[in-house]
Amino acid sequence: MALNAGVHYLKCPLCNDKDMFSTAVLAQGYYIPDRDAAWELEQNAFSEIYERPVECRVDDCKCPRGREYDANSGIWDIKLCVLCGSPGAHAACCTTEYYVCDVCRPAAPDQSH
């Protein structure tokens, strides 16, 4: 566990204490490397968190090529939510200049989709 977690992520698996657990591990003679955790060193280990599906989330999508079509510009360009940047809608499917998703709409009550 100490070799995989490294000094920065090593903690007790029962109570999540870092200081006393690290001291006890060292007192028993185990080596704790001063490096990032093994899962942090793996190349592109978290690349999937940067991927997001780009599709029109408006109920009545008007695009003849479907919800997932995304042009580089124009009316079929998918605009992402201006507040969270996640769900999007085609420019032609939006009723306002800026798209605000259903989750963020309470934070911007003057916006519709």
Protein backbone atom coordinates (compact mmCIF):
# COMPACT_ATOMS: atom_id res chain seq x y z
CA MET A 1 0.00 0.00 0.00
CA ALA A 2 2.79 2.42 0.89
CA LEU A 3 4.62 1.80 -2.38
CA ASN A 4 1.51 2.51 -4.45
CA ALA A 5 0.21 5.48 -2.47
CA GLY A 6 3.48 7.27 -1.81
CA VAL A 7 4.01 9.72 1.01
CA HIS A 8 1.37 12.17 -0.23
CA TYR A 9 -1.58 9.75 -0.42
CA LEU A 10 -0.83 7.14 2.25
CA LYS A 11 -3.60 6.97 4.85
CA CYS A 12 -5.19 4.49 7.19
CA PRO A 13 -7.76 2.37 5.30
CA LEU A 14 -10.07 2.37 8.35
CA CYS A 15 -10.05 5.95 9.65
CA ASN A 16 -8.29 7.90 6.84
CA ASP A 17 -5.73 9.32 9.28
CA LYS A 18 -2.51 10.29 7.51
CA ASP A 19 -0.06 11.44 10.18
CA MET A 20 -0.34 8.69 12.80
CA PHE A 21 -0.65 5.99 10.16
CA SER A 22 2.47 7.16 8.28
CA THR A 23 4.40 7.33 11.55
CA ALA A 24 3.30 3.79 12.48
CA VAL A 25 4.19 2.43 9.03
CA LEU A 26 7.66 4.01 9.19
CA ALA A 27 8.16 2.74 12.78
CA GLN A 28 7.51 -0.81 11.56
CA GLY A 29 10.28 -0.38 9.00
CA TYR A 30 8.29 0.01 5.82
CA TYR A 31 9.57 2.31 3.09
CA ILE A 32 7.27 5.11 1.90
CA PRO A 33 8.53 6.66 -1.35
CA ASP A 34 8.43 10.45 -1.64
CA ARG A 35 6.55 10.60 -4.94
CA ASP A 36 3.07 10.86 -6.35
CA ALA A 37 0.80 7.86 -6.07
CA ALA A 38 1.20 5.13 -8.69
CA TRP A 39 -2.21 5.97 -10.18
CA GLU A 40 -1.09 9.60 -10.63
CA LEU A 41 2.00 8.59 -12.62
CA GLU A 42 0.15 6.53 -15.24
CA GLN A 43 0.08 8.30 -18.61
CA ASN A 44 -3.40 9.62 -19.53
CA ALA A 45 -4.89 7.91 -16.47
CA PHE A 46 -7.63 10.52 -16.15
CA SER A 47 -8.14 11.40 -19.81
CA GLU A 48 -11.78 10.30 -19.72
CA ILE A 49 -12.70 13.17 -17.39
CA TYR A 50 -11.91 15.59 -20.21
CA GLU A 51 -14.25 13.83 -22.63
CA ARG A 52 -17.84 14.91 -22.82
CA PRO A 53 -20.65 13.95 -25.14
CA VAL A 54 -21.57 16.79 -27.46
CA GLU A 55 -25.20 16.58 -28.46
CA CYS A 56 -28.22 18.83 -28.62
CA ARG A 57 -30.16 18.47 -25.36
CA VAL A 58 -33.23 20.43 -26.46
CA ASP A 59 -36.34 18.22 -26.48
CA ASP A 60 -37.39 19.21 -30.00
CA CYS A 61 -34.03 19.25 -31.84
CA LYS A 62 -34.49 20.73 -35.31
CA CYS A 63 -31.25 19.52 -36.91
CA PRO A 64 -31.88 17.33 -39.98
CA ARG A 65 -28.63 15.42 -39.30
CA GLY A 66 -29.58 14.55 -35.72
CA ARG A 67 -28.70 15.57 -32.17
CA GLU A 68 -25.04 14.60 -32.38
CA TYR A 69 -24.20 16.65 -35.48
CA ASP A 70 -21.93 19.57 -34.60
CA ALA A 71 -20.85 22.04 -37.29
CA ASN A 72 -17.83 24.28 -36.74
CA SER A 73 -20.00 27.39 -37.06
CA GLY A 74 -23.48 28.44 -38.11
CA ILE A 75 -26.90 27.35 -36.94
CA TRP A 76 -25.87 23.71 -36.42
CA ASP A 77 -22.94 24.57 -34.16
CA ILE A 78 -23.58 23.13 -30.70
CA LYS A 79 -23.31 25.81 -28.03
CA LEU A 80 -22.45 24.51 -24.57
CA CYS A 81 -24.14 25.75 -21.39
CA VAL A 82 -22.63 29.13 -20.48
CA LEU A 83 -22.72 28.33 -16.75
CA CYS A 84 -21.39 24.76 -16.48
CA GLY A 85 -20.05 24.11 -19.98
CA SER A 86 -21.45 20.61 -20.15
CA PRO A 87 -24.72 20.00 -21.99
CA GLY A 88 -25.29 21.88 -25.22
CA ALA A 89 -27.78 22.76 -27.92
CA HIS A 90 -27.66 23.70 -31.60
CA ALA A 91 -27.78 27.43 -32.21
CA ALA A 92 -30.97 26.92 -34.24
CA CYS A 93 -32.60 24.96 -31.40
CA CYS A 94 -31.95 27.66 -28.77
CA THR A 95 -34.47 30.39 -28.13
CA THR A 96 -31.84 32.74 -26.66
CA GLU A 97 -28.37 33.91 -27.66
CA TYR A 98 -26.75 31.89 -24.87
CA TYR A 99 -27.70 28.33 -23.92
CA VAL A 100 -28.35 27.48 -20.26
CA CYS A 101 -29.02 23.83 -19.42
CA ASP A 102 -31.92 22.62 -17.28
CA VAL A 103 -29.68 22.02 -14.25
CA CYS A 104 -28.26 25.57 -14.34
CA ARG A 105 -31.51 27.32 -15.27
CA PRO A 106 -32.44 28.12 -11.62
CA ALA A 107 -29.17 30.07 -11.35
CA ALA A 108 -30.17 32.14 -14.40
CA PRO A 109 -33.97 32.43 -14.19
CA ASP A 110 -34.16 35.05 -16.96
CA GLN A 111 -32.70 32.58 -19.50
CA SER A 112 -34.64 29.91 -21.34
CA HIS A 113 -33.17 27.19 -23.51
